[in-house]
N, C-alpha and C. Protein backbone atom coordinates (compact mmCIF):
# COMPACT_ATOMS: atom_id res chain seq x y z
N MET A 1 82.81 90.21 128.11
CA MET A 1 82.53 91.54 127.61
C MET A 1 81.79 91.42 126.27
N ALA A 2 80.66 92.04 126.17
CA ALA A 2 79.86 91.97 124.95
C ALA A 2 80.54 92.75 123.82
N LEU A 3 80.35 92.25 122.63
CA LEU A 3 80.95 92.84 121.44
C LEU A 3 79.85 93.03 120.42
N GLN A 4 79.77 94.22 119.84
CA GLN A 4 78.80 94.44 118.78
C GLN A 4 79.28 95.58 117.88
N GLY A 5 78.81 95.55 116.65
CA GLY A 5 79.17 96.58 115.69
C GLY A 5 78.57 96.27 114.34
N SER A 6 78.98 97.01 113.34
CA SER A 6 78.48 96.78 111.99
C SER A 6 79.47 97.32 110.98
N LYS A 7 79.32 96.83 109.76
CA LYS A 7 80.11 97.32 108.63
C LYS A 7 79.14 97.63 107.51
N SER A 8 79.17 98.87 107.02
CA SER A 8 78.28 99.27 105.93
C SER A 8 79.09 99.61 104.69
N GLY A 9 78.42 99.76 103.58
CA GLY A 9 79.08 100.13 102.34
C GLY A 9 79.94 99.04 101.75
N ILE A 10 79.55 97.79 101.95
CA ILE A 10 80.32 96.65 101.43
C ILE A 10 80.12 96.59 99.92
N GLY A 11 81.23 96.60 99.20
CA GLY A 11 81.18 96.60 97.74
C GLY A 11 81.96 95.46 97.13
N THR A 12 82.51 95.66 95.96
CA THR A 12 83.16 94.59 95.21
C THR A 12 84.60 94.32 95.64
N THR A 13 85.12 95.10 96.56
CA THR A 13 86.44 94.85 97.15
C THR A 13 86.25 94.35 98.57
N ALA A 14 86.83 93.21 98.90
CA ALA A 14 86.68 92.63 100.24
C ALA A 14 87.22 93.59 101.30
N VAL A 15 86.46 93.72 102.38
CA VAL A 15 86.84 94.59 103.49
C VAL A 15 86.65 93.84 104.81
N PRO A 16 87.50 94.13 105.82
CA PRO A 16 87.28 93.52 107.14
C PRO A 16 86.06 94.17 107.80
N LEU A 17 85.37 93.40 108.63
CA LEU A 17 84.22 93.96 109.34
C LEU A 17 84.64 95.02 110.35
N SER A 18 85.90 94.98 110.78
CA SER A 18 86.44 96.02 111.67
C SER A 18 87.85 96.34 111.23
N SER A 19 88.20 97.61 111.18
CA SER A 19 89.55 98.00 110.78
C SER A 19 90.54 97.92 111.93
N THR A 20 90.04 97.72 113.15
CA THR A 20 90.90 97.55 114.31
C THR A 20 90.61 96.19 114.94
N SER A 21 91.53 95.71 115.72
CA SER A 21 91.37 94.41 116.38
C SER A 21 90.17 94.44 117.32
N ARG A 22 89.26 93.48 117.16
CA ARG A 22 88.07 93.34 118.01
C ARG A 22 87.96 91.86 118.39
N PRO A 23 88.80 91.40 119.34
CA PRO A 23 88.78 89.98 119.70
C PRO A 23 87.50 89.58 120.43
N PHE A 24 87.13 88.32 120.30
CA PHE A 24 86.00 87.78 121.05
C PHE A 24 86.42 86.44 121.65
N ALA A 25 85.81 86.09 122.76
CA ALA A 25 86.22 84.90 123.52
C ALA A 25 85.40 83.66 123.21
N TYR A 26 84.13 83.82 122.86
CA TYR A 26 83.25 82.66 122.72
C TYR A 26 82.74 82.45 121.30
N GLY A 27 82.51 83.48 120.58
CA GLY A 27 81.97 83.38 119.23
C GLY A 27 81.24 84.66 118.87
N VAL A 28 80.89 84.79 117.62
CA VAL A 28 80.20 85.98 117.15
C VAL A 28 79.17 85.54 116.11
N ARG A 29 78.09 86.30 116.01
CA ARG A 29 77.06 86.06 114.99
C ARG A 29 77.07 87.23 114.03
N LEU A 30 76.95 86.91 112.75
CA LEU A 30 76.86 87.92 111.71
C LEU A 30 75.43 87.94 111.20
N LYS A 31 74.92 89.12 110.90
CA LYS A 31 73.57 89.23 110.35
C LYS A 31 73.56 90.26 109.25
N ALA A 32 73.13 89.83 108.05
CA ALA A 32 72.96 90.76 106.93
C ALA A 32 71.68 91.55 107.18
N ARG A 33 71.75 92.84 107.00
CA ARG A 33 70.57 93.68 107.20
C ARG A 33 69.44 93.25 106.27
N GLY A 34 68.23 93.31 106.76
CA GLY A 34 67.06 92.95 105.97
C GLY A 34 66.82 93.88 104.79
N THR A 35 67.43 95.07 104.83
CA THR A 35 67.26 96.04 103.76
C THR A 35 68.35 95.95 102.69
N ASN A 36 69.28 94.98 102.83
CA ASN A 36 70.36 94.87 101.85
C ASN A 36 69.80 94.63 100.45
N ALA A 37 70.38 95.31 99.48
CA ALA A 37 69.93 95.19 98.09
C ALA A 37 70.52 93.97 97.39
N ASN A 38 71.68 93.49 97.85
CA ASN A 38 72.38 92.37 97.20
C ASN A 38 72.96 91.43 98.25
N PRO A 39 73.27 90.20 97.86
CA PRO A 39 73.93 89.28 98.80
C PRO A 39 75.30 89.79 99.20
N ILE A 40 75.76 89.31 100.34
CA ILE A 40 77.11 89.60 100.83
C ILE A 40 77.77 88.26 101.09
N TRP A 41 79.03 88.13 100.70
CA TRP A 41 79.78 86.90 100.93
C TRP A 41 80.79 87.16 102.04
N ILE A 42 80.94 86.17 102.92
CA ILE A 42 81.80 86.28 104.10
C ILE A 42 82.98 85.32 103.95
N GLY A 43 84.17 85.81 104.28
CA GLY A 43 85.38 85.00 104.31
C GLY A 43 86.02 85.11 105.68
N LEU A 44 86.40 83.98 106.26
CA LEU A 44 87.03 83.96 107.57
C LEU A 44 88.53 83.81 107.39
N ASN A 45 89.29 84.75 107.92
CA ASN A 45 90.75 84.77 107.76
C ASN A 45 91.15 84.83 106.29
N ASP A 46 90.32 85.42 105.44
CA ASP A 46 90.55 85.41 103.99
C ASP A 46 90.28 86.79 103.38
N PRO A 47 91.31 87.66 103.33
CA PRO A 47 91.09 88.99 102.75
C PRO A 47 90.83 88.94 101.24
N ALA A 48 91.01 87.78 100.61
CA ALA A 48 90.75 87.65 99.17
C ALA A 48 89.40 86.98 98.90
N VAL A 49 88.51 86.99 99.89
CA VAL A 49 87.20 86.36 99.70
C VAL A 49 86.52 86.96 98.47
N SER A 50 85.78 86.12 97.76
CA SER A 50 85.08 86.59 96.57
C SER A 50 83.66 86.04 96.56
N THR A 51 82.92 86.39 95.55
CA THR A 51 81.54 85.91 95.43
C THR A 51 81.49 84.43 95.05
N THR A 52 82.63 83.82 94.79
CA THR A 52 82.66 82.38 94.51
C THR A 52 83.30 81.57 95.63
N THR A 53 83.96 82.25 96.58
CA THR A 53 84.66 81.50 97.64
C THR A 53 84.08 81.70 99.03
N GLY A 54 83.23 82.69 99.22
CA GLY A 54 82.73 82.99 100.56
C GLY A 54 81.39 82.34 100.86
N TRP A 55 80.95 82.48 102.11
CA TRP A 55 79.61 82.06 102.53
C TRP A 55 78.65 83.18 102.20
N ARG A 56 77.58 82.87 101.50
CA ARG A 56 76.63 83.89 101.04
C ARG A 56 75.59 84.19 102.11
N LEU A 57 75.39 85.47 102.36
CA LEU A 57 74.33 85.94 103.25
C LEU A 57 73.35 86.77 102.43
N LEU A 58 72.12 86.33 102.38
CA LEU A 58 71.07 87.12 101.75
C LEU A 58 70.51 88.08 102.78
N ALA A 59 69.72 89.05 102.38
CA ALA A 59 69.12 90.01 103.31
C ALA A 59 68.42 89.27 104.44
N GLY A 60 68.78 89.58 105.69
CA GLY A 60 68.17 88.98 106.86
C GLY A 60 68.83 87.70 107.34
N ASP A 61 69.74 87.12 106.57
CA ASP A 61 70.41 85.88 106.98
C ASP A 61 71.37 86.12 108.14
N GLU A 62 71.55 85.07 108.97
CA GLU A 62 72.52 85.10 110.06
C GLU A 62 73.51 83.97 109.90
N MET A 63 74.69 84.15 110.49
CA MET A 63 75.74 83.15 110.40
C MET A 63 76.54 83.16 111.70
N PRO A 64 76.68 82.01 112.38
CA PRO A 64 77.54 81.96 113.57
C PRO A 64 79.00 81.76 113.17
N VAL A 65 79.90 82.35 113.93
CA VAL A 65 81.34 82.16 113.73
C VAL A 65 81.92 81.70 115.05
N PRO A 66 82.26 80.40 115.18
CA PRO A 66 82.84 79.93 116.43
C PRO A 66 84.27 80.43 116.63
N VAL A 67 84.66 80.57 117.88
CA VAL A 67 85.96 81.12 118.20
C VAL A 67 87.10 80.23 117.70
N ASN A 68 86.85 78.94 117.49
CA ASN A 68 87.95 78.07 117.03
C ASN A 68 88.28 78.29 115.55
N ILE A 69 87.47 79.04 114.82
CA ILE A 69 87.78 79.36 113.42
C ILE A 69 88.53 80.68 113.33
N THR A 70 88.05 81.70 113.98
CA THR A 70 88.76 82.97 114.09
C THR A 70 88.29 83.63 115.38
N ALA A 71 89.17 84.39 116.02
CA ALA A 71 88.84 85.00 117.30
C ALA A 71 88.89 86.52 117.26
N ASP A 72 88.79 87.09 116.08
CA ASP A 72 88.86 88.55 115.96
C ASP A 72 88.00 89.00 114.78
N VAL A 73 87.14 89.98 115.01
CA VAL A 73 86.26 90.48 113.96
C VAL A 73 87.06 91.08 112.80
N SER A 74 88.25 91.58 113.08
CA SER A 74 89.07 92.16 112.01
C SER A 74 89.57 91.10 111.03
N GLN A 75 89.38 89.83 111.36
CA GLN A 75 89.78 88.73 110.47
C GLN A 75 88.58 88.12 109.73
N ILE A 76 87.44 88.80 109.80
CA ILE A 76 86.24 88.40 109.05
C ILE A 76 86.05 89.43 107.94
N PHE A 77 86.01 88.94 106.70
CA PHE A 77 85.96 89.83 105.54
C PHE A 77 84.64 89.68 104.79
N ALA A 78 84.19 90.75 104.17
CA ALA A 78 82.92 90.76 103.44
C ALA A 78 83.10 91.39 102.07
N VAL A 79 82.32 90.89 101.10
CA VAL A 79 82.36 91.42 99.74
C VAL A 79 80.97 91.26 99.14
N SER A 80 80.63 92.10 98.19
CA SER A 80 79.36 92.00 97.49
C SER A 80 79.62 91.88 95.99
N ASN A 81 78.59 91.60 95.23
CA ASN A 81 78.76 91.47 93.78
C ASN A 81 78.52 92.79 93.05
N THR A 82 78.26 93.85 93.81
CA THR A 82 78.05 95.16 93.19
C THR A 82 78.36 96.25 94.21
N ASN A 83 78.66 97.43 93.72
CA ASN A 83 78.82 98.59 94.59
C ASN A 83 77.47 99.30 94.66
N VAL A 84 77.01 99.56 95.86
CA VAL A 84 75.72 100.20 96.08
C VAL A 84 75.96 101.63 96.53
N ALA A 85 75.29 102.58 95.92
CA ALA A 85 75.49 103.99 96.25
C ALA A 85 75.11 104.30 97.70
N ASP A 86 74.07 103.65 98.21
CA ASP A 86 73.62 103.87 99.58
C ASP A 86 74.29 102.83 100.48
N PRO A 87 75.22 103.23 101.38
CA PRO A 87 75.95 102.26 102.20
C PRO A 87 75.05 101.45 103.13
N PHE A 88 73.84 101.92 103.41
CA PHE A 88 72.95 101.19 104.30
C PHE A 88 72.19 100.09 103.57
N LEU A 89 72.41 99.95 102.27
CA LEU A 89 71.81 98.85 101.51
C LEU A 89 72.80 97.71 101.31
N SER A 90 73.92 97.79 102.03
CA SER A 90 74.97 96.77 101.96
C SER A 90 75.67 96.74 103.31
N LYS A 91 75.03 96.10 104.30
CA LYS A 91 75.51 96.21 105.67
C LYS A 91 75.41 94.87 106.40
N VAL A 92 76.41 94.59 107.25
CA VAL A 92 76.43 93.40 108.11
C VAL A 92 76.62 93.86 109.54
N ASP A 93 75.78 93.36 110.43
CA ASP A 93 75.92 93.60 111.88
C ASP A 93 76.60 92.39 112.50
N TYR A 94 77.32 92.61 113.59
CA TYR A 94 77.92 91.49 114.33
C TYR A 94 77.74 91.72 115.82
N TYR A 95 77.60 90.60 116.53
CA TYR A 95 77.48 90.67 117.98
C TYR A 95 77.95 89.35 118.57
N GLY A 96 78.52 89.41 119.76
CA GLY A 96 79.01 88.21 120.43
C GLY A 96 79.77 88.55 121.68
N GLU A 97 80.51 87.57 122.16
CA GLU A 97 81.34 87.76 123.36
C GLU A 97 82.68 87.09 123.15
């Protein structure tokens, strides 16, 4: 079953990419929107991810997440180094199975 979605309005407080359980069987890819104004940092199974501990995604960057690291989108967290007034300037898309 295909899985896709997005999280917008990522600011200085880490948030899960999904507020509800969204399990995947094979893996998922994350992609920072090309219009993002600032980098976004990703933490896997880490709700305390920060701009010093996460994987950095610049605008347009992609990142694979294999199922052996985490198997649910709700366990992938994102944070930015600033709060952006326009939520579409701080967005991550995800897709996988």
